[in-house]
Amino acid sequence: MNPRIRTAQPSDARTMAELLANVDDYPKWKEQGVDALEKVVRASLERNHPERLVLVAELDARTVGYTAVYWLNYLFSPPEGYVSELFVRSDASGRGIGTALLQEIEG
């Protein structure tokens, strides 16, 4: 099954925070807890960043990953995207979620 990819909304903050709280490489996030992470994620998603795109991936109506890309605009060449974050739930790993998110960015 292919994931559904869509633009993240402030209402996604809780599920994104839950995902981040379970990233083993960042124990600080786990220590902060889901409630604190949710506030940070929500505040970020509520701010207008025209140069940023945040996408979430869903399987069976459940958020299983997300990515954030920042667009760098140049005067004489096309914009370039810098992927600053790409996380996939461990139980969804190996199912093409990260690839689908990156393909959506590439358009």
N, C-alpha and C. Protein backbone atom coordinates (compact mmCIF):
# COMPACT_ATOMS: atom_id res chain seq x y z
N MET A 1 0.85 -1.18 0.00
CA MET A 1 0.00 0.00 0.00
C MET A 1 0.89 1.24 0.00
N ASN A 2 0.57 2.19 -0.87
CA ASN A 2 1.32 3.43 -0.95
C ASN A 2 0.82 4.41 0.11
N PRO A 3 1.75 5.16 0.70
CA PRO A 3 1.32 6.15 1.69
C PRO A 3 0.64 7.34 1.03
N ARG A 4 -0.22 7.96 1.78
CA ARG A 4 -0.83 9.23 1.35
C ARG A 4 0.09 10.33 1.85
N ILE A 5 0.54 11.19 0.96
CA ILE A 5 1.43 12.30 1.32
C ILE A 5 0.64 13.58 1.21
N ARG A 6 0.74 14.41 2.25
CA ARG A 6 0.02 15.70 2.23
C ARG A 6 0.80 16.72 3.04
N THR A 7 0.42 17.97 2.87
CA THR A 7 1.05 19.06 3.63
C THR A 7 0.64 18.97 5.09
N ALA A 8 1.61 19.11 5.98
CA ALA A 8 1.33 19.06 7.42
C ALA A 8 0.53 20.28 7.85
N GLN A 9 -0.36 20.05 8.80
CA GLN A 9 -1.19 21.10 9.39
C GLN A 9 -0.92 21.15 10.90
N PRO A 10 -1.25 22.26 11.56
CA PRO A 10 -1.08 22.31 13.01
C PRO A 10 -1.77 21.14 13.73
N SER A 11 -2.85 20.65 13.17
CA SER A 11 -3.56 19.52 13.78
C SER A 11 -2.73 18.23 13.76
N ASP A 12 -1.64 18.20 13.00
CA ASP A 12 -0.74 17.04 12.95
C ASP A 12 0.31 17.08 14.06
N ALA A 13 0.34 18.14 14.83
CA ALA A 13 1.40 18.32 15.82
C ALA A 13 1.50 17.16 16.80
N ARG A 14 0.39 16.65 17.26
CA ARG A 14 0.43 15.57 18.25
C ARG A 14 1.07 14.31 17.68
N THR A 15 0.63 13.89 16.51
CA THR A 15 1.19 12.65 15.95
C THR A 15 2.65 12.83 15.54
N MET A 16 3.02 14.02 15.11
CA MET A 16 4.42 14.28 14.79
C MET A 16 5.26 14.25 16.06
N ALA A 17 4.74 14.82 17.15
CA ALA A 17 5.44 14.80 18.43
C ALA A 17 5.61 13.37 18.94
N GLU A 18 4.58 12.55 18.78
CA GLU A 18 4.68 11.15 19.21
C GLU A 18 5.77 10.42 18.42
N LEU A 19 5.84 10.71 17.13
CA LEU A 19 6.89 10.12 16.30
C LEU A 19 8.26 10.54 16.81
N LEU A 20 8.45 11.84 17.04
CA LEU A 20 9.74 12.35 17.49
C LEU A 20 10.14 11.80 18.86
N ALA A 21 9.18 11.63 19.74
CA ALA A 21 9.47 11.14 21.09
C ALA A 21 9.98 9.70 21.07
N ASN A 22 9.80 9.02 19.95
CA ASN A 22 10.24 7.63 19.84
C ASN A 22 11.47 7.45 18.95
N VAL A 23 12.16 8.54 18.62
CA VAL A 23 13.39 8.44 17.84
C VAL A 23 14.54 8.15 18.80
N ASP A 24 15.09 6.95 18.69
CA ASP A 24 16.11 6.50 19.63
C ASP A 24 17.39 7.34 19.59
N ASP A 25 17.70 7.93 18.44
CA ASP A 25 18.94 8.70 18.32
C ASP A 25 18.88 10.05 19.02
N TYR A 26 17.70 10.44 19.48
CA TYR A 26 17.53 11.74 20.14
C TYR A 26 16.83 11.54 21.49
N PRO A 27 17.55 11.01 22.48
CA PRO A 27 16.92 10.75 23.78
C PRO A 27 16.37 12.01 24.45
N LYS A 28 16.93 13.17 24.11
CA LYS A 28 16.44 14.42 24.70
C LYS A 28 14.96 14.62 24.38
N TRP A 29 14.56 14.24 23.17
CA TRP A 29 13.16 14.40 22.80
C TRP A 29 12.28 13.49 23.65
N LYS A 30 12.74 12.30 23.90
CA LYS A 30 11.97 11.37 24.74
C LYS A 30 11.82 11.93 26.14
N GLU A 31 12.91 12.52 26.65
CA GLU A 31 12.89 13.12 27.99
C GLU A 31 11.93 14.30 28.06
N GLN A 32 11.85 15.09 26.99
CA GLN A 32 10.94 16.24 26.98
C GLN A 32 9.49 15.81 27.08
N GLY A 33 9.18 14.70 26.48
CA GLY A 33 7.81 14.20 26.51
C GLY A 33 6.97 14.71 25.35
N VAL A 34 5.95 13.97 25.05
CA VAL A 34 5.09 14.26 23.90
C VAL A 34 4.39 15.61 24.05
N ASP A 35 3.91 15.94 25.23
CA ASP A 35 3.17 17.21 25.40
C ASP A 35 4.04 18.41 25.08
N ALA A 36 5.28 18.42 25.58
CA ALA A 36 6.19 19.53 25.32
C ALA A 36 6.57 19.59 23.85
N LEU A 37 6.84 18.44 23.26
CA LEU A 37 7.19 18.40 21.84
C LEU A 37 6.02 18.87 20.98
N GLU A 38 4.82 18.49 21.36
CA GLU A 38 3.64 18.91 20.60
C GLU A 38 3.53 20.43 20.55
N LYS A 39 3.79 21.10 21.65
CA LYS A 39 3.73 22.56 21.68
C LYS A 39 4.74 23.18 20.71
N VAL A 40 5.94 22.63 20.69
CA VAL A 40 6.99 23.15 19.81
C VAL A 40 6.62 22.91 18.34
N VAL A 41 6.18 21.71 18.04
CA VAL A 41 5.80 21.38 16.67
C VAL A 41 4.62 22.23 16.21
N ARG A 42 3.61 22.35 17.05
CA ARG A 42 2.43 23.15 16.69
C ARG A 42 2.82 24.61 16.43
N ALA A 43 3.62 25.18 17.30
CA ALA A 43 4.04 26.57 17.12
C ALA A 43 4.80 26.74 15.80
N SER A 44 5.64 25.78 15.48
CA SER A 44 6.38 25.86 14.22
C SER A 44 5.46 25.76 13.02
N LEU A 45 4.51 24.83 13.07
CA LEU A 45 3.58 24.67 11.96
C LEU A 45 2.64 25.86 11.81
N GLU A 46 2.37 26.57 12.88
CA GLU A 46 1.48 27.73 12.82
C GLU A 46 2.17 28.97 12.26
N ARG A 47 3.51 28.99 12.33
CA ARG A 47 4.24 30.13 11.76
C ARG A 47 4.30 29.98 10.24
N ASN A 48 4.12 31.07 9.56
CA ASN A 48 4.18 31.05 8.11
C ASN A 48 5.63 31.12 7.66
N HIS A 49 6.10 30.06 7.02
CA HIS A 49 7.44 30.01 6.45
C HIS A 49 7.29 29.71 4.96
N PRO A 50 7.22 30.73 4.13
CA PRO A 50 7.00 30.46 2.71
C PRO A 50 8.12 29.65 2.06
N GLU A 51 9.29 29.66 2.67
CA GLU A 51 10.41 28.90 2.12
C GLU A 51 10.48 27.47 2.66
N ARG A 52 9.53 27.07 3.47
CA ARG A 52 9.54 25.74 4.08
C ARG A 52 8.32 24.94 3.65
N LEU A 53 8.52 23.65 3.47
CA LEU A 53 7.43 22.74 3.18
C LEU A 53 7.56 21.56 4.15
N VAL A 54 6.48 21.26 4.86
CA VAL A 54 6.45 20.11 5.75
C VAL A 54 5.37 19.17 5.24
N LEU A 55 5.77 17.93 5.01
CA LEU A 55 4.85 16.91 4.51
C LEU A 55 4.73 15.78 5.51
N VAL A 56 3.55 15.20 5.62
CA VAL A 56 3.36 14.01 6.43
C VAL A 56 2.96 12.86 5.52
N ALA A 57 3.32 11.66 5.95
CA ALA A 57 2.94 10.44 5.24
C ALA A 57 1.99 9.67 6.13
N GLU A 58 0.91 9.18 5.53
CA GLU A 58 -0.09 8.42 6.28
C GLU A 58 -0.29 7.05 5.64
N LEU A 59 -0.44 6.05 6.48
CA LEU A 59 -0.88 4.72 6.08
C LEU A 59 -2.08 4.37 6.93
N ASP A 60 -3.15 3.97 6.31
CA ASP A 60 -4.37 3.63 7.04
C ASP A 60 -4.78 4.75 7.99
N ALA A 61 -4.71 6.01 7.50
CA ALA A 61 -5.10 7.21 8.26
C ALA A 61 -4.25 7.43 9.51
N ARG A 62 -3.07 6.86 9.55
CA ARG A 62 -2.14 7.01 10.69
C ARG A 62 -0.85 7.64 10.19
N THR A 63 -0.39 8.70 10.85
CA THR A 63 0.85 9.36 10.46
C THR A 63 2.01 8.43 10.76
N VAL A 64 2.79 8.14 9.72
CA VAL A 64 3.92 7.21 9.88
C VAL A 64 5.25 7.87 9.56
N GLY A 65 5.23 9.13 9.12
CA GLY A 65 6.47 9.82 8.84
C GLY A 65 6.22 11.25 8.44
N TYR A 66 7.31 12.02 8.43
CA TYR A 66 7.21 13.39 7.94
C TYR A 66 8.57 13.86 7.47
N THR A 67 8.55 14.90 6.67
CA THR A 67 9.78 15.54 6.23
C THR A 67 9.57 17.05 6.20
N ALA A 68 10.66 17.77 6.35
CA ALA A 68 10.65 19.23 6.22
C ALA A 68 11.75 19.60 5.24
N VAL A 69 11.41 20.44 4.29
CA VAL A 69 12.38 20.91 3.30
C VAL A 69 12.34 22.43 3.27
N TYR A 70 13.50 23.02 3.17
CA TYR A 70 13.64 24.46 3.03
C TYR A 70 14.14 24.75 1.63
N TRP A 71 13.49 25.68 0.96
CA TRP A 71 13.87 26.04 -0.40
C TRP A 71 14.82 27.22 -0.37
N LEU A 72 15.94 27.05 -1.04
CA LEU A 72 16.95 28.09 -1.16
C LEU A 72 16.81 28.71 -2.55
N ASN A 73 16.46 29.97 -2.58
CA ASN A 73 16.24 30.65 -3.85
C ASN A 73 17.49 31.41 -4.26
N TYR A 74 17.83 31.27 -5.53
CA TYR A 74 19.01 31.93 -6.09
C TYR A 74 18.58 32.90 -7.18
N LEU A 75 19.38 33.89 -7.42
CA LEU A 75 19.06 34.90 -8.41
C LEU A 75 19.12 34.36 -9.84
N PHE A 76 20.13 33.53 -10.13
CA PHE A 76 20.34 33.11 -11.52
C PHE A 76 20.21 31.61 -11.75
N SER A 77 19.66 30.89 -10.80
CA SER A 77 19.46 29.46 -11.01
C SER A 77 18.19 29.02 -10.28
N PRO A 78 17.69 27.86 -10.62
CA PRO A 78 16.46 27.39 -9.97
C PRO A 78 16.67 27.15 -8.48
N PRO A 79 15.59 27.17 -7.71
CA PRO A 79 15.73 26.93 -6.27
C PRO A 79 16.19 25.50 -5.98
N GLU A 80 16.85 25.36 -4.85
CA GLU A 80 17.28 24.05 -4.38
C GLU A 80 16.60 23.76 -3.07
N GLY A 81 16.29 22.50 -2.84
CA GLY A 81 15.66 22.10 -1.59
C GLY A 81 16.68 21.48 -0.64
N TYR A 82 16.59 21.86 0.63
CA TYR A 82 17.44 21.30 1.68
C TYR A 82 16.53 20.54 2.64
N VAL A 83 16.66 19.23 2.68
CA VAL A 83 15.84 18.42 3.58
C VAL A 83 16.46 18.50 4.97
N SER A 84 15.75 19.15 5.87
CA SER A 84 16.29 19.33 7.22
C SER A 84 15.83 18.24 8.18
N GLU A 85 14.71 17.60 7.86
CA GLU A 85 14.17 16.54 8.73
C GLU A 85 13.50 15.48 7.87
N LEU A 86 13.70 14.24 8.24
CA LEU A 86 13.01 13.13 7.59
C LEU A 86 12.95 12.00 8.61
N PHE A 87 11.76 11.74 9.12
CA PHE A 87 11.57 10.72 10.14
C PHE A 87 10.45 9.78 9.74
N VAL A 88 10.66 8.50 9.99
CA VAL A 88 9.67 7.47 9.72
C VAL A 88 9.55 6.61 10.97
N ARG A 89 8.34 6.29 11.35
CA ARG A 89 8.13 5.41 12.51
C ARG A 89 8.85 4.10 12.30
N SER A 90 9.46 3.57 13.34
CA SER A 90 10.23 2.34 13.20
C SER A 90 9.36 1.17 12.72
N ASP A 91 8.10 1.13 13.14
CA ASP A 91 7.24 0.04 12.71
C ASP A 91 6.76 0.18 11.26
N ALA A 92 7.09 1.31 10.61
CA ALA A 92 6.77 1.51 9.20
C ALA A 92 8.03 1.52 8.34
N SER A 93 9.17 1.31 8.95
CA SER A 93 10.43 1.32 8.24
C SER A 93 10.48 0.21 7.19
N GLY A 94 11.13 0.50 6.07
CA GLY A 94 11.27 -0.48 5.02
C GLY A 94 10.07 -0.61 4.10
N ARG A 95 9.12 0.32 4.25
CA ARG A 95 7.89 0.25 3.44
C ARG A 95 7.81 1.38 2.40
N GLY A 96 8.93 2.06 2.18
CA GLY A 96 8.97 3.09 1.15
C GLY A 96 8.44 4.45 1.57
N ILE A 97 8.27 4.65 2.87
CA ILE A 97 7.70 5.92 3.35
C ILE A 97 8.65 7.08 3.07
N GLY A 98 9.91 6.94 3.45
CA GLY A 98 10.90 7.99 3.23
C GLY A 98 11.06 8.29 1.75
N THR A 99 11.10 7.25 0.95
CA THR A 99 11.22 7.42 -0.50
C THR A 99 10.01 8.18 -1.05
N ALA A 100 8.82 7.83 -0.60
CA ALA A 100 7.61 8.51 -1.07
C ALA A 100 7.63 9.99 -0.69
N LEU A 101 8.08 10.30 0.52
CA LEU A 101 8.17 11.70 0.95
C LEU A 101 9.15 12.48 0.06
N LEU A 102 10.31 11.89 -0.20
CA LEU A 102 11.30 12.56 -1.05
C LEU A 102 10.82 12.71 -2.48
N GLN A 103 10.13 11.72 -3.01
CA GLN A 103 9.59 11.81 -4.36
C GLN A 103 8.55 12.91 -4.46
N GLU A 104 7.77 13.11 -3.41
CA GLU A 104 6.78 14.18 -3.41
C GLU A 104 7.46 15.54 -3.45
N ILE A 105 8.57 15.68 -2.74
CA ILE A 105 9.31 16.94 -2.77
C ILE A 105 9.85 17.20 -4.18
N GLU A 106 10.38 16.16 -4.80
CA GLU A 106 10.95 16.31 -6.13
C GLU A 106 9.90 16.66 -7.17
N GLY A 107 8.64 16.29 -6.87
CA GLY A 107 7.54 16.63 -7.75
C GLY A 107 7.56 15.79 -8.97
